[in-house]
Amino acid sequence: LLPSQYHVLFPGIYLPMTLETEVNIQLVKKIYEASSLIGIVAQKKEKVAVVGAQDIFQVGTAARILKLINLPDGNIRILLQGEEKFRIETILSETPYLTANIGKLPDQLVNIQSKRYKAIVR
């Protein structure tokens, strides 16, 4: 899991991120080399030294790392594409980075004939 301080990622959306911490850089490089998906979760508080399970929301988005650029200062810049929503079922580890068992969250169908929907889109 990659905690995000400032952004919330949704399925189908592209998101650029700059990573500065060594732990997050190692995680992202490992996922990128394996061509795997990574779970992006929003942090509850912006400035947390070491992010733990209590510091993140339980719903996130699985994402594909489309591009990884190594910057001269040692940081990396990545481009993510949101794939699908998930819910954290169990935290497996908090060190060196967060890992978890997750379950897919299906999209909710909306009744476009409902009064609530019509009120929202007005």
C-alpha atoms as a PDB file:
ATOM      1  CA  LEU A   1       0.000   0.000   0.000  1.00  0.00           C
ATOM      2  CA  LEU A   2       1.223   3.462  -0.887  1.00  0.00           C
ATOM      3  CA  PRO A   3      -0.209   6.206   1.350  1.00  0.00           C
ATOM      4  CA  SER A   4      -1.042   9.466  -0.404  1.00  0.00           C
ATOM      5  CA  GLN A   5      -0.860  12.689   1.600  1.00  0.00           C
ATOM      6  CA  TYR A   6      -2.514  15.071  -0.822  1.00  0.00           C
ATOM      7  CA  HIS A   7      -4.483  13.114  -3.424  1.00  0.00           C
ATOM      8  CA  VAL A   8      -7.327  10.644  -3.732  1.00  0.00           C
ATOM      9  CA  LEU A   9      -7.133   8.367  -6.769  1.00  0.00           C
ATOM     10  CA  PHE A  10     -10.236   7.034  -8.509  1.00  0.00           C
ATOM     11  CA  PRO A  11     -10.619   4.296 -11.130  1.00  0.00           C
ATOM     12  CA  GLY A  12      -9.938   5.575 -14.642  1.00  0.00           C
ATOM     13  CA  ILE A  13      -8.047   8.659 -13.435  1.00  0.00           C
ATOM     14  CA  TYR A  14      -4.367   9.436 -14.068  1.00  0.00           C
ATOM     15  CA  LEU A  15      -2.325  10.811 -11.171  1.00  0.00           C
ATOM     16  CA  PRO A  16       1.292  12.019 -11.128  1.00  0.00           C
ATOM     17  CA  MET A  17       3.102  11.674  -7.783  1.00  0.00           C
ATOM     18  CA  THR A  18       6.554  12.585  -6.522  1.00  0.00           C
ATOM     19  CA  LEU A  19       7.958  10.228  -3.878  1.00  0.00           C
ATOM     20  CA  GLU A  20      10.640  11.384  -1.464  1.00  0.00           C
ATOM     21  CA  THR A  21      10.891   8.744   1.277  1.00  0.00           C
ATOM     22  CA  GLU A  22      13.277   5.839   0.727  1.00  0.00           C
ATOM     23  CA  VAL A  23      10.710   3.272   1.867  1.00  0.00           C
ATOM     24  CA  ASN A  24       8.112   4.445  -0.656  1.00  0.00           C
ATOM     25  CA  ILE A  25      10.719   4.665  -3.420  1.00  0.00           C
ATOM     26  CA  GLN A  26      11.809   1.059  -2.772  1.00  0.00           C
ATOM     27  CA  LEU A  27       8.179  -0.120  -2.755  1.00  0.00           C
ATOM     28  CA  VAL A  28       7.294   1.620  -6.016  1.00  0.00           C
ATOM     29  CA  LYS A  29      10.431   0.416  -7.816  1.00  0.00           C
ATOM     30  CA  LYS A  30       9.690  -3.160  -6.724  1.00  0.00           C
ATOM     31  CA  ILE A  31       6.081  -2.950  -7.973  1.00  0.00           C
ATOM     32  CA  TYR A  32       7.102  -1.226 -11.223  1.00  0.00           C
ATOM     33  CA  GLU A  33       9.737  -3.858 -12.044  1.00  0.00           C
ATOM     34  CA  ALA A  34       7.202  -6.642 -11.413  1.00  0.00           C
ATOM     35  CA  SER A  35       4.536  -4.874 -13.532  1.00  0.00           C
ATOM     36  CA  SER A  36       2.104  -5.378 -10.639  1.00  0.00           C
ATOM     37  CA  LEU A  37      -0.690  -3.209  -9.289  1.00  0.00           C
ATOM     38  CA  ILE A  38      -0.180  -1.058  -6.202  1.00  0.00           C
ATOM     39  CA  GLY A  39      -2.814   0.001  -3.686  1.00  0.00           C
ATOM     40  CA  ILE A  40      -3.144   3.765  -3.234  1.00  0.00           C
ATOM     41  CA  VAL A  41      -4.801   4.868   0.013  1.00  0.00           C
ATOM     42  CA  ALA A  42      -5.375   8.367   1.346  1.00  0.00           C
ATOM     43  CA  GLN A  43      -3.810   9.362   4.642  1.00  0.00           C
ATOM     44  CA  LYS A  44      -6.087  10.699   7.363  1.00  0.00           C
ATOM     45  CA  LYS A  45      -3.546  13.334   8.464  1.00  0.00           C
ATOM     46  CA  GLU A  46      -1.163  15.127   6.142  1.00  0.00           C
ATOM     47  CA  LYS A  47       2.038  15.161   8.191  1.00  0.00           C
ATOM     48  CA  VAL A  48       2.775  11.766   9.757  1.00  0.00           C
ATOM     49  CA  ALA A  49       6.406  10.670  10.200  1.00  0.00           C
ATOM     50  CA  VAL A  50       5.785   6.924   9.869  1.00  0.00           C
ATOM     51  CA  VAL A  51       2.422   5.970   8.375  1.00  0.00           C
ATOM     52  CA  GLY A  52       0.725   3.037  10.087  1.00  0.00           C
ATOM     53  CA  ALA A  53      -2.579   1.221   9.651  1.00  0.00           C
ATOM     54  CA  GLN A  54      -4.376   3.723  11.899  1.00  0.00           C
ATOM     55  CA  ASP A  55      -3.247   6.615   9.671  1.00  0.00           C
ATOM     56  CA  ILE A  56      -4.949   5.527   6.425  1.00  0.00           C
ATOM     57  CA  PHE A  57      -8.491   5.130   5.181  1.00  0.00           C
ATOM     58  CA  GLN A  58      -9.773   1.582   4.608  1.00  0.00           C
ATOM     59  CA  VAL A  59     -10.880   2.148   1.017  1.00  0.00           C
ATOM     60  CA  GLY A  60      -8.403   2.781  -1.779  1.00  0.00           C
ATOM     61  CA  THR A  61      -7.760   2.276  -5.469  1.00  0.00           C
ATOM     62  CA  ALA A  62      -5.582  -0.337  -7.139  1.00  0.00           C
ATOM     63  CA  ALA A  63      -3.352   1.424  -9.657  1.00  0.00           C
ATOM     64  CA  ARG A  64      -0.930   0.652 -12.444  1.00  0.00           C
ATOM     65  CA  ILE A  65       2.384   2.503 -12.518  1.00  0.00           C
ATOM     66  CA  LEU A  66       2.589   3.684 -16.121  1.00  0.00           C
ATOM     67  CA  LYS A  67       5.839   5.659 -15.888  1.00  0.00           C
ATOM     68  CA  LEU A  68       8.683   5.969 -13.389  1.00  0.00           C
ATOM     69  CA  ILE A  69      11.293   8.736 -13.640  1.00  0.00           C
ATOM     70  CA  ASN A  70      14.363   8.900 -11.406  1.00  0.00           C
ATOM     71  CA  LEU A  71      15.031  12.529 -10.479  1.00  0.00           C
ATOM     72  CA  PRO A  72      18.534  13.981  -9.922  1.00  0.00           C
ATOM     73  CA  ASP A  73      17.822  14.667  -6.219  1.00  0.00           C
ATOM     74  CA  GLY A  74      17.132  10.959  -5.530  1.00  0.00           C
ATOM     75  CA  ASN A  75      13.352  11.288  -5.542  1.00  0.00           C
ATOM     76  CA  ILE A  76      11.169   9.600  -8.132  1.00  0.00           C
ATOM     77  CA  ARG A  77       8.204  10.791 -10.154  1.00  0.00           C
ATOM     78  CA  ILE A  78       5.520   8.297 -11.145  1.00  0.00           C
ATOM     79  CA  LEU A  79       2.393   8.361 -13.259  1.00  0.00           C
ATOM     80  CA  LEU A  80      -0.436   6.191 -11.934  1.00  0.00           C
ATOM     81  CA  GLN A  81      -3.653   5.023 -13.557  1.00  0.00           C
ATOM     82  CA  GLY A  82      -6.476   4.030 -11.218  1.00  0.00           C
ATOM     83  CA  GLU A  83      -7.904   0.580 -11.996  1.00  0.00           C
ATOM     84  CA  GLU A  84     -10.492  -0.462  -9.370  1.00  0.00           C
ATOM     85  CA  LYS A  85     -11.629   0.307  -5.834  1.00  0.00           C
ATOM     86  CA  PHE A  86     -10.775  -1.961  -2.903  1.00  0.00           C
ATOM     87  CA  ARG A  87     -11.325  -2.268   0.835  1.00  0.00           C
ATOM     88  CA  ILE A  88      -8.560  -3.274   3.217  1.00  0.00           C
ATOM     89  CA  GLU A  89      -9.555  -6.515   4.932  1.00  0.00           C
ATOM     90  CA  THR A  90      -6.419  -7.197   7.004  1.00  0.00           C
ATOM     91  CA  ILE A  91      -3.133  -5.361   7.498  1.00  0.00           C
ATOM     92  CA  LEU A  92      -0.350  -7.922   7.084  1.00  0.00           C
ATOM     93  CA  SER A  93       2.674  -5.765   7.809  1.00  0.00           C
ATOM     94  CA  GLU A  94       3.577  -2.164   8.625  1.00  0.00           C
ATOM     95  CA  THR A  95       7.333  -2.476   8.063  1.00  0.00           C
ATOM     96  CA  PRO A  96       9.184  -1.754   5.906  1.00  0.00           C
ATOM     97  CA  TYR A  97       5.954  -0.621   4.196  1.00  0.00           C
ATOM     98  CA  LEU A  98       2.242  -1.315   4.550  1.00  0.00           C
ATOM     99  CA  THR A  99       0.975  -4.582   3.087  1.00  0.00           C
ATOM    100  CA  ALA A 100      -2.578  -5.862   3.312  1.00  0.00           C
ATOM    101  CA  ASN A 101      -5.147  -8.367   2.153  1.00  0.00           C
ATOM    102  CA  ILE A 102      -7.740  -6.499   0.149  1.00  0.00           C
ATOM    103  CA  GLY A 103     -11.165  -7.178  -1.303  1.00  0.00           C
ATOM    104  CA  LYS A 104     -12.537  -5.705  -4.510  1.00  0.00           C
ATOM    105  CA  LEU A 105     -15.318  -3.159  -4.089  1.00  0.00           C
ATOM    106  CA  PRO A 106     -17.910  -3.429  -6.849  1.00  0.00           C
ATOM    107  CA  ASP A 107     -19.251  -0.262  -8.412  1.00  0.00           C
ATOM    108  CA  GLN A 108     -22.658   0.709  -7.106  1.00  0.00           C
ATOM    109  CA  LEU A 109     -25.392   1.059  -9.673  1.00  0.00           C
ATOM    110  CA  VAL A 110     -27.393   4.249  -9.488  1.00  0.00           C
ATOM    111  CA  ASN A 111     -31.089   4.490 -10.176  1.00  0.00           C
ATOM    112  CA  ILE A 112     -31.253   7.510 -12.475  1.00  0.00           C
ATOM    113  CA  GLN A 113     -35.010   7.698 -11.971  1.00  0.00           C
ATOM    114  CA  SER A 114     -34.723   8.222  -8.193  1.00  0.00           C
ATOM    115  CA  LYS A 115     -35.563  11.585  -6.620  1.00  0.00           C
ATOM    116  CA  ARG A 116     -32.134  11.665  -4.930  1.00  0.00           C
ATOM    117  CA  TYR A 117     -30.271  11.259  -8.229  1.00  0.00           C
ATOM    118  CA  LYS A 118     -32.378  13.910  -9.949  1.00  0.00           C
ATOM    119  CA  ALA A 119     -31.776  16.324  -7.060  1.00  0.00           C
ATOM    120  CA  ILE A 120     -28.002  15.781  -7.194  1.00  0.00           C
ATOM    121  CA  VAL A 121     -27.665  16.367 -10.930  1.00  0.00           C
ATOM    122  CA  ARG A 122     -29.724  19.561 -10.976  1.00  0.00           C
END
